[in-house]
PDB file of N, CA and C in Angstrom:
ATOM      1  N   MET A   1      30.547 146.769   6.217  1.00  0.00           N
ATOM      2  CA  MET A   1      31.758 147.075   5.409  1.00  0.00           C
ATOM      3  C   MET A   1      32.791 147.634   6.211  1.00  0.00           C
ATOM      4  N   GLY A   2      31.990 148.885   7.089  1.00  0.00           N
ATOM      5  CA  GLY A   2      32.951 149.307   7.888  1.00  0.00           C
ATOM      6  C   GLY A   2      33.666 148.384   9.031  1.00  0.00           C
ATOM      7  N   LEU A   3      32.956 147.262   9.360  1.00  0.00           N
ATOM      8  CA  LEU A   3      33.769 146.386  10.143  1.00  0.00           C
ATOM      9  C   LEU A   3      34.304 145.341   9.673  1.00  0.00           C
ATOM     10  N   ALA A   4      34.372 145.421   8.243  1.00  0.00           N
ATOM     11  CA  ALA A   4      35.408 144.344   7.442  1.00  0.00           C
ATOM     12  C   ALA A   4      36.915 145.218   7.459  1.00  0.00           C
ATOM     13  N   GLY A   5      36.510 146.597   7.278  1.00  0.00           N
ATOM     14  CA  GLY A   5      37.704 147.594   6.757  1.00  0.00           C
ATOM     15  C   GLY A   5      38.421 147.626   8.093  1.00  0.00           C
ATOM     16  N   ILE A   6      38.071 147.643   9.465  1.00  0.00           N
ATOM     17  CA  ILE A   6      38.546 147.382  10.493  1.00  0.00           C
ATOM     18  C   ILE A   6      39.183 146.568  10.782  1.00  0.00           C
ATOM     19  N   LEU A   7      38.488 145.254  10.627  1.00  0.00           N
ATOM     20  CA  LEU A   7      39.216 143.890  10.553  1.00  0.00           C
ATOM     21  C   LEU A   7      40.690 143.812   9.946  1.00  0.00           C
ATOM     22  N   TRP A   8      40.235 144.336   8.709  1.00  0.00           N
ATOM     23  CA  TRP A   8      41.471 144.303   7.415  1.00  0.00           C
ATOM     24  C   TRP A   8      42.530 145.303   8.271  1.00  0.00           C
ATOM     25  N   SER A   9      42.228 146.139   8.514  1.00  0.00           N
ATOM     26  CA  SER A   9      43.376 146.940   9.227  1.00  0.00           C
ATOM     27  C   SER A   9      44.128 146.338  10.294  1.00  0.00           C
ATOM     28  N   TYR A  10      43.147 146.105  10.837  1.00  0.00           N
ATOM     29  CA  TYR A  10      43.754 145.416  12.525  1.00  0.00           C
ATOM     30  C   TYR A  10      44.645 144.154  11.922  1.00  0.00           C
ATOM     31  N   ASN A  11      44.358 143.076  10.824  1.00  0.00           N
ATOM     32  CA  ASN A  11      45.073 142.263  10.364  1.00  0.00           C
ATOM     33  C   ASN A  11      46.332 142.578   9.625  1.00  0.00           C
ATOM     34  N   LEU A  12      46.428 143.816   8.739  1.00  0.00           N
ATOM     35  CA  LEU A  12      47.317 144.304   8.451  1.00  0.00           C
ATOM     36  C   LEU A  12      48.437 144.800   9.419  1.00  0.00           C
ATOM     37  N   ASN A  13      47.581 145.403  10.548  1.00  0.00           N
ATOM     38  CA  ASN A  13      48.921 145.809  11.793  1.00  0.00           C
ATOM     39  C   ASN A  13      49.578 144.621  12.252  1.00  0.00           C
ATOM     40  N   GLY A  14      49.256 143.582  12.874  1.00  0.00           N
ATOM     41  CA  GLY A  14      49.187 142.291  13.167  1.00  0.00           C
ATOM     42  C   GLY A  14      50.563 141.828  12.166  1.00  0.00           C
ATOM     43  N   LYS A  15      50.745 141.878  11.092  1.00  0.00           N
ATOM     44  CA  LYS A  15      51.729 141.698  10.000  1.00  0.00           C
ATOM     45  C   LYS A  15      52.658 142.485  10.083  1.00  0.00           C
ATOM     46  N   LEU A  16      52.380 143.617  10.228  1.00  0.00           N
ATOM     47  CA  LEU A  16      53.291 144.753  10.459  1.00  0.00           C
ATOM     48  C   LEU A  16      54.287 144.743  11.297  1.00  0.00           C
ATOM     49  N   ALA A  17      53.394 144.292  12.646  1.00  0.00           N
ATOM     50  CA  ALA A  17      54.100 143.901  13.595  1.00  0.00           C
ATOM     51  C   ALA A  17      55.206 143.039  13.488  1.00  0.00           C
ATOM     52  N   ALA A  18      54.918 141.899  13.072  1.00  0.00           N
ATOM     53  CA  ALA A  18      55.480 140.713  12.959  1.00  0.00           C
ATOM     54  C   ALA A  18      56.714 141.033  12.205  1.00  0.00           C
ATOM     55  N   ARG A  19      56.702 141.468  11.033  1.00  0.00           N
ATOM     56  CA  ARG A  19      57.687 142.011  10.124  1.00  0.00           C
ATOM     57  C   ARG A  19      58.723 142.628  10.741  1.00  0.00           C
ATOM     58  N   GLN A  20      58.239 143.632  11.757  1.00  0.00           N
ATOM     59  CA  GLN A  20      59.270 144.594  12.357  1.00  0.00           C
ATOM     60  C   GLN A  20      59.961 143.671  12.989  1.00  0.00           C
ATOM     61  N   GLN A  21      59.393 142.998  13.836  1.00  0.00           N
ATOM     62  CA  GLN A  21      59.934 142.154  14.718  1.00  0.00           C
ATOM     63  C   GLN A  21      61.268 141.430  13.933  1.00  0.00           C
ATOM     64  N   ALA A  22      60.854 140.549  12.477  1.00  0.00           N
ATOM     65  CA  ALA A  22      61.298 139.827  12.039  1.00  0.00           C
ATOM     66  C   ALA A  22      62.719 140.924  11.484  1.00  0.00           C
ATOM     67  N   LEU A  23      62.577 141.804  11.219  1.00  0.00           N
ATOM     68  CA  LEU A  23      63.474 142.831  10.658  1.00  0.00           C
ATOM     69  C   LEU A  23      64.312 143.257  11.589  1.00  0.00           C
ATOM     70  N   ALA A  24      64.207 143.587  12.917  1.00  0.00           N
ATOM     71  CA  ALA A  24      64.904 143.703  14.278  1.00  0.00           C
ATOM     72  C   ALA A  24      65.872 142.533  14.396  1.00  0.00           C
ATOM     73  N   GLY A  25      65.493 141.193  14.212  1.00  0.00           N
ATOM     74  CA  GLY A  25      66.139 139.956  14.598  1.00  0.00           C
ATOM     75  C   GLY A  25      67.233 139.848  13.783  1.00  0.00           C
ATOM     76  N   ALA A  26      67.018 140.289  12.286  1.00  0.00           N
ATOM     77  CA  ALA A  26      67.831 140.315  11.155  1.00  0.00           C
ATOM     78  C   ALA A  26      68.826 141.566  11.342  1.00  0.00           C
ATOM     79  N   ALA A  27      68.570 142.230  11.743  1.00  0.00           N
ATOM     80  CA  ALA A  27      69.663 143.366  11.901  1.00  0.00           C
ATOM     81  C   ALA A  27      70.445 143.297  13.100  1.00  0.00           C
ATOM     82  N   ALA A  28      70.092 142.440  14.210  1.00  0.00           N
ATOM     83  CA  ALA A  28      70.686 142.062  15.011  1.00  0.00           C
ATOM     84  C   ALA A  28      71.699 140.990  14.486  1.00  0.00           C
ATOM     85  N   GLN A  29      71.261 140.234  14.122  1.00  0.00           N
ATOM     86  CA  GLN A  29      72.130 139.164  13.601  1.00  0.00           C
ATOM     87  C   GLN A  29      73.129 139.303  12.355  1.00  0.00           C
ATOM     88  N   ASN A  30      72.611 140.554  11.777  1.00  0.00           N
ATOM     89  CA  ASN A  30      73.767 140.904  10.401  1.00  0.00           C
ATOM     90  C   ASN A  30      75.065 141.845  11.690  1.00  0.00           C
ATOM     91  N   THR A  31      74.640 142.339  12.846  1.00  0.00           N
ATOM     92  CA  THR A  31      75.448 143.011  13.551  1.00  0.00           C
ATOM     93  C   THR A  31      76.769 141.820  14.012  1.00  0.00           C
ATOM     94  N   LYS A  32      75.835 140.738  14.495  1.00  0.00           N
ATOM     95  CA  LYS A  32      77.103 139.846  15.331  1.00  0.00           C
ATOM     96  C   LYS A  32      77.898 139.387  14.184  1.00  0.00           C
ATOM     97  N   LEU A  33      77.306 139.231  12.918  1.00  0.00           N
ATOM     98  CA  LEU A  33      78.297 138.368  11.748  1.00  0.00           C
ATOM     99  C   LEU A  33      79.144 139.514  11.226  1.00  0.00           C
ATOM    100  N   ASN A  34      78.949 140.638  11.276  1.00  0.00           N
ATOM    101  CA  ASN A  34      79.939 141.603  10.910  1.00  0.00           C
ATOM    102  C   ASN A  34      80.752 142.002  11.776  1.00  0.00           C
ATOM    103  N   ALA A  35      80.700 141.991  13.209  1.00  0.00           N
ATOM    104  CA  ALA A  35      81.552 141.734  14.259  1.00  0.00           C
ATOM    105  C   ALA A  35      82.582 140.587  13.876  1.00  0.00           C
ATOM    106  N   ALA A  36      81.947 139.179  13.852  1.00  0.00           N
ATOM    107  CA  ALA A  36      82.625 137.907  13.347  1.00  0.00           C
ATOM    108  C   ALA A  36      83.964 138.247  12.103  1.00  0.00           C
ATOM    109  N   LEU A  37      83.088 138.957  11.340  1.00  0.00           N
ATOM    110  CA  LEU A  37      83.515 139.123   9.674  1.00  0.00           C
ATOM    111  C   LEU A  37      84.882 139.907  10.067  1.00  0.00           C
ATOM    112  N   GLN A  38      84.688 140.983  11.061  1.00  0.00           N
ATOM    113  CA  GLN A  38      86.128 141.792  11.012  1.00  0.00           C
ATOM    114  C   GLN A  38      86.825 141.080  12.104  1.00  0.00           C
ATOM    115  N   GLN A  39      86.563 140.640  12.755  1.00  0.00           N
ATOM    116  CA  GLN A  39      87.404 139.549  13.910  1.00  0.00           C
ATOM    117  C   GLN A  39      87.914 138.369  12.560  1.00  0.00           C
ATOM    118  N   THR A  40      87.155 138.002  11.874  1.00  0.00           N
ATOM    119  CA  THR A  40      88.195 137.109  10.757  1.00  0.00           C
ATOM    120  C   THR A  40      89.017 137.655  10.066  1.00  0.00           C
ATOM    121  N   ASN A  41      88.865 138.683   9.647  1.00  0.00           N
ATOM    122  CA  ASN A  41      89.571 139.640   8.622  1.00  0.00           C
ATOM    123  C   ASN A  41      91.105 140.150   9.375  1.00  0.00           C
ATOM    124  N   ALA A  42      90.975 140.347  10.878  1.00  0.00           N
ATOM    125  CA  ALA A  42      91.999 140.724  11.466  1.00  0.00           C
ATOM    126  C   ALA A  42      93.050 139.675  11.726  1.00  0.00           C
ATOM    127  N   ARG A  43      92.513 138.211  12.008  1.00  0.00           N
ATOM    128  CA  ARG A  43      93.320 137.333  12.172  1.00  0.00           C
ATOM    129  C   ARG A  43      93.843 136.663  10.531  1.00  0.00           C
ATOM    130  N   LEU A  44      93.136 137.062   9.572  1.00  0.00           N
ATOM    131  CA  LEU A  44      93.726 137.006   8.350  1.00  0.00           C
ATOM    132  C   LEU A  44      94.767 137.747   8.228  1.00  0.00           C
ATOM    133  N   ASN A  45      94.640 138.973   8.441  1.00  0.00           N
ATOM    134  CA  ASN A  45      95.812 139.942   8.126  1.00  0.00           C
ATOM    135  C   ASN A  45      97.048 139.829   9.120  1.00  0.00           C
ATOM    136  N   VAL A  46      96.830 139.338  10.158  1.00  0.00           N
ATOM    137  CA  VAL A  46      98.188 139.084  10.750  1.00  0.00           C
ATOM    138  C   VAL A  46      98.967 137.745  10.181  1.00  0.00           C
ATOM    139  N   ALA A  47      97.978 136.837   9.918  1.00  0.00           N
ATOM    140  CA  ALA A  47      98.375 135.635   9.554  1.00  0.00           C
ATOM    141  C   ALA A  47      99.297 135.819   8.189  1.00  0.00           C
ATOM    142  N   THR A  48      98.648 136.579   7.337  1.00  0.00           N
ATOM    143  CA  THR A  48      99.422 136.991   6.104  1.00  0.00           C
ATOM    144  C   THR A  48     100.664 137.799   6.077  1.00  0.00           C
ATOM    145  N   VAL A  49     100.454 138.774   7.431  1.00  0.00           N
ATOM    146  CA  VAL A  49     101.799 139.373   7.496  1.00  0.00           C
ATOM    147  C   VAL A  49     102.999 138.293   7.968  1.00  0.00           C
ATOM    148  N   GLU A  50     102.230 137.603   8.489  1.00  0.00           N
ATOM    149  CA  GLU A  50     103.252 136.341   9.270  1.00  0.00           C
ATOM    150  C   GLU A  50     103.709 135.512   8.051  1.00  0.00           C
ATOM    151  N   LEU A  51     103.013 134.932   7.150  1.00  0.00           N
ATOM    152  CA  LEU A  51     103.180 134.478   6.155  1.00  0.00           C
ATOM    153  C   LEU A  51     104.508 135.057   5.313  1.00  0.00           C
ATOM    154  N   LYS A  52     104.095 136.142   5.170  1.00  0.00           N
ATOM    155  CA  LYS A  52     104.929 136.987   3.994  1.00  0.00           C
ATOM    156  C   LYS A  52     106.145 137.623   4.841  1.00  0.00           C
ATOM    157  N   THR A  53     106.265 137.494   5.692  1.00  0.00           N
ATOM    158  CA  THR A  53     107.849 137.642   6.712  1.00  0.00           C
ATOM    159  C   THR A  53     108.510 136.069   6.766  1.00  0.00           C
ATOM    160  N   SER A  54     107.791 134.928   6.721  1.00  0.00           N
ATOM    161  CA  SER A  54     108.063 133.724   6.576  1.00  0.00           C
ATOM    162  C   SER A  54     108.986 133.339   5.464  1.00  0.00           C
ATOM    163  N   LEU A  55     108.020 133.936   4.331  1.00  0.00           N
ATOM    164  CA  LEU A  55     108.165 133.537   2.743  1.00  0.00           C
ATOM    165  C   LEU A  55     109.571 134.541   2.742  1.00  0.00           C
ATOM    166  N   GLY A  56     109.573 135.674   3.054  1.00  0.00           N
ATOM    167  CA  GLY A  56     110.412 136.717   2.767  1.00  0.00           C
ATOM    168  C   GLY A  56     112.235 136.217   3.404  1.00  0.00           C
ATOM    169  N   LEU A  57     112.107 135.110   4.567  1.00  0.00           N
ATOM    170  CA  LEU A  57     112.942 135.113   5.292  1.00  0.00           C
ATOM    171  C   LEU A  57     113.759 133.715   4.459  1.00  0.00           C
ATOM    172  N   THR A  58     112.630 132.777   3.947  1.00  0.00           N
ATOM    173  CA  THR A  58     113.140 131.680   3.365  1.00  0.00           C
ATOM    174  C   THR A  58     113.543 131.970   1.964  1.00  0.00           C
ATOM    175  N   GLN A  59     112.871 132.967   1.130  1.00  0.00           N
ATOM    176  CA  GLN A  59     113.680 133.706   0.143  1.00  0.00           C
ATOM    177  C   GLN A  59     115.381 134.026   0.339  1.00  0.00           C
ATOM    178  N   LYS A  60     115.211 135.104   1.292  1.00  0.00           N
ATOM    179  CA  LYS A  60     116.611 135.504   1.455  1.00  0.00           C
ATOM    180  C   LYS A  60     117.535 134.131   1.803  1.00  0.00           C
ATOM    181  N   HIS A  61     117.035 133.259   2.565  1.00  0.00           N
ATOM    182  CA  HIS A  61     117.867 131.816   2.738  1.00  0.00           C
ATOM    183  C   HIS A  61     118.605 131.333   1.846  1.00  0.00           C
ATOM    184  N   TRP A  62     117.395 131.109   0.610  1.00  0.00           N
ATOM    185  CA  TRP A  62     117.703 130.577  -0.353  1.00  0.00           C
ATOM    186  C   TRP A  62     118.576 131.067  -1.726  1.00  0.00           C
ATOM    187  N   ASN A  63     118.457 132.468  -1.401  1.00  0.00           N
ATOM    188  CA  ASN A  63     119.250 133.560  -2.281  1.00  0.00           C
ATOM    189  C   ASN A  63     120.731 133.168  -2.014  1.00  0.00           C
ATOM    190  N   ARG A  64     120.774 133.064  -0.472  1.00  0.00           N
ATOM    191  CA  ARG A  64     122.363 133.277   0.208  1.00  0.00           C
ATOM    192  C   ARG A  64     123.249 131.574  -0.571  1.00  0.00           C
ATOM    193  N   ARG A  65     122.326 130.934  -0.576  1.00  0.00           N
ATOM    194  CA  ARG A  65     122.747 129.267  -0.879  1.00  0.00           C
ATOM    195  C   ARG A  65     123.193 129.269  -2.211  1.00  0.00           C
ATOM    196  N   GLY A  66     122.546 129.980  -3.204  1.00  0.00           N
ATOM    197  CA  GLY A  66     122.432 129.834  -4.787  1.00  0.00           C
ATOM    198  C   GLY A  66     123.601 130.806  -5.275  1.00  0.00           C
TER     199      GLY A  66
END
């Protein structure tokens, strides 16, 4: 029975190590995805400002014509 306990413990230790590696990989991927998301948000913010500026100029142009 003692040998079975040792084997069971060894098996669990192996599973734990595999899960820890998977978790570390997922954390690294999350870091990469977060960086990409921040870059995308920054580009969208710039595009939004440019679009608002463009629309503002267009509205001023049409208001003068009207």
